[in-house]
Amino acid sequence: MKIELSALAALLAIAASGPAIAQERWVYVHNQGDLAIYTVQISHIDTPWPGPDLLGPTTIIQPGSYAFVEPRNHQDYCRFDVVIGYENGQDVTLWDLNLCELADIYVSESGATQVSY
């Protein structure tokens, strides 16, 4: 009986944490500026450095276009910092975005951003 209760408690703990683990963390990055986006880096909010470039060496988000990105090694986090790098070397940083709820990021090199859930 004691083993069954322990197993039941473990299953309930897993079920309670399931929705956070099952969340999708992908997002569409929309370029609403005049310059091409060359890099998109996403990292956990408690990481002091940007993550890897998720666009890769050949993908560029042209003005008026968008790209699908998903953080690597999300480790069940939902909150991320996003660094958008433009063709002129300028970066726009978006702090503490909840990618478990977010679907779209609209950004321009002027720093203007809008998010959509």
Protein backbone atom coordinates (compact mmCIF):
# COMPACT_ATOMS: atom_id res chain seq x y z
CA MET A 1 0.00 0.00 0.00
CA LYS A 2 2.85 2.39 0.88
CA ILE A 3 4.54 1.74 -2.49
CA GLU A 4 1.26 2.35 -4.33
CA LEU A 5 0.79 5.69 -2.57
CA SER A 6 4.36 6.71 -3.45
CA ALA A 7 3.79 5.78 -7.07
CA LEU A 8 0.50 7.69 -7.10
CA ALA A 9 2.19 10.76 -5.58
CA ALA A 10 4.94 10.59 -8.22
CA LEU A 11 2.38 10.34 -11.03
CA LEU A 12 0.43 13.30 -9.65
CA ALA A 13 3.63 15.37 -9.46
CA ILE A 14 4.46 14.53 -13.08
CA ALA A 15 0.91 15.34 -14.20
CA ALA A 16 0.97 18.66 -12.36
CA SER A 17 4.22 19.69 -14.05
CA GLY A 18 3.20 18.27 -17.44
CA PRO A 19 1.66 21.38 -18.99
CA ALA A 20 4.80 23.48 -18.42
CA ILE A 21 6.99 20.76 -19.88
CA ALA A 22 4.68 20.20 -22.85
CA GLN A 23 4.60 23.88 -23.85
CA GLU A 24 5.89 24.84 -27.26
CA ARG A 25 8.64 27.45 -27.32
CA TRP A 26 8.78 28.31 -31.01
CA VAL A 27 8.02 31.79 -32.29
CA TYR A 28 7.73 33.61 -35.60
CA VAL A 29 10.07 36.61 -35.92
CA HIS A 30 8.59 39.24 -38.28
CA ASN A 31 10.92 41.87 -39.73
CA GLN A 32 9.02 45.16 -39.89
CA GLY A 33 12.13 47.26 -40.42
CA ASP A 34 14.12 48.45 -43.41
CA LEU A 35 17.22 46.29 -42.77
CA ALA A 36 17.61 42.52 -43.05
CA ILE A 37 17.85 40.45 -39.86
CA TYR A 38 20.99 38.32 -39.91
CA THR A 39 20.84 36.66 -36.48
CA VAL A 40 18.27 35.62 -33.88
CA GLN A 41 19.68 34.46 -30.54
CA ILE A 42 17.52 33.17 -27.70
CA SER A 43 18.72 32.36 -24.18
CA HIS A 44 17.14 31.65 -20.78
CA ILE A 45 16.61 34.83 -18.77
CA ASP A 46 19.17 33.71 -16.19
CA THR A 47 21.91 33.12 -18.77
CA PRO A 48 24.35 36.05 -19.05
CA TRP A 49 25.18 35.51 -22.74
CA PRO A 50 23.08 35.16 -25.91
CA GLY A 51 22.36 31.71 -27.26
CA PRO A 52 23.46 30.40 -30.66
CA ASP A 53 22.24 32.02 -33.88
CA LEU A 54 19.01 30.19 -34.70
CA LEU A 55 18.88 31.39 -38.30
CA GLY A 56 22.07 29.59 -39.26
CA PRO A 57 24.71 30.74 -41.72
CA THR A 58 22.48 31.05 -44.78
CA THR A 59 19.09 32.31 -43.54
CA ILE A 60 18.28 36.03 -43.52
CA ILE A 61 14.93 37.62 -42.65
CA GLN A 62 14.39 40.27 -45.30
CA PRO A 63 12.23 43.36 -44.54
CA GLY A 64 8.57 42.36 -44.67
CA SER A 65 9.39 38.66 -44.17
CA TYR A 66 9.40 36.34 -41.17
CA ALA A 67 11.10 33.19 -39.94
CA PHE A 68 10.21 30.38 -37.55
CA VAL A 69 12.69 29.92 -34.68
CA GLU A 70 12.82 27.69 -31.62
CA PRO A 71 15.35 27.88 -28.79
CA ARG A 72 17.73 24.95 -28.46
CA ASN A 73 18.05 23.23 -25.10
CA HIS A 74 15.15 25.10 -23.55
CA GLN A 75 15.34 22.83 -20.48
CA ASP A 76 11.65 23.44 -19.75
CA TYR A 77 12.11 27.21 -19.37
CA CYS A 78 9.42 29.55 -20.67
CA ARG A 79 11.07 32.95 -20.18
CA PHE A 80 13.81 34.01 -22.59
CA ASP A 81 15.81 37.00 -23.74
CA VAL A 82 15.89 37.44 -27.53
CA VAL A 83 18.66 39.28 -29.41
CA ILE A 84 17.91 40.30 -33.00
CA GLY A 85 20.98 41.19 -35.11
CA TYR A 86 20.66 43.41 -38.19
CA GLU A 87 22.79 43.64 -41.32
CA ASN A 88 24.38 46.91 -40.12
CA GLY A 89 25.65 45.22 -36.93
CA GLN A 90 22.99 46.75 -34.67
CA ASP A 91 21.30 44.50 -32.09
CA VAL A 92 17.83 44.85 -30.58
CA THR A 93 17.35 42.95 -27.31
CA LEU A 94 13.93 41.87 -26.07
CA TRP A 95 14.03 40.98 -22.39
CA ASP A 96 12.03 38.35 -20.51
CA LEU A 97 9.63 37.07 -23.16
CA ASN A 98 7.42 34.12 -22.27
CA LEU A 99 7.82 31.85 -25.29
CA CYS A 100 5.40 29.29 -23.86
CA GLU A 101 2.62 31.82 -24.50
CA LEU A 102 4.08 33.97 -27.28
CA ALA A 103 3.44 33.19 -30.96
CA ASP A 104 4.84 36.17 -32.89
CA ILE A 105 7.47 38.88 -32.44
CA TYR A 106 7.27 41.95 -34.72
CA VAL A 107 10.50 43.95 -34.63
CA SER A 108 12.35 46.70 -36.47
CA GLU A 109 15.90 48.02 -36.20
CA SER A 110 14.56 51.14 -34.46
CA GLY A 111 13.76 48.91 -31.49
CA ALA A 112 10.00 49.02 -31.99
CA THR A 113 8.54 45.68 -31.01
CA GLN A 114 5.17 44.08 -30.71
CA VAL A 115 4.36 40.60 -29.51
CA SER A 116 1.31 38.48 -30.20
CA TYR A 117 -0.07 35.66 -28.06
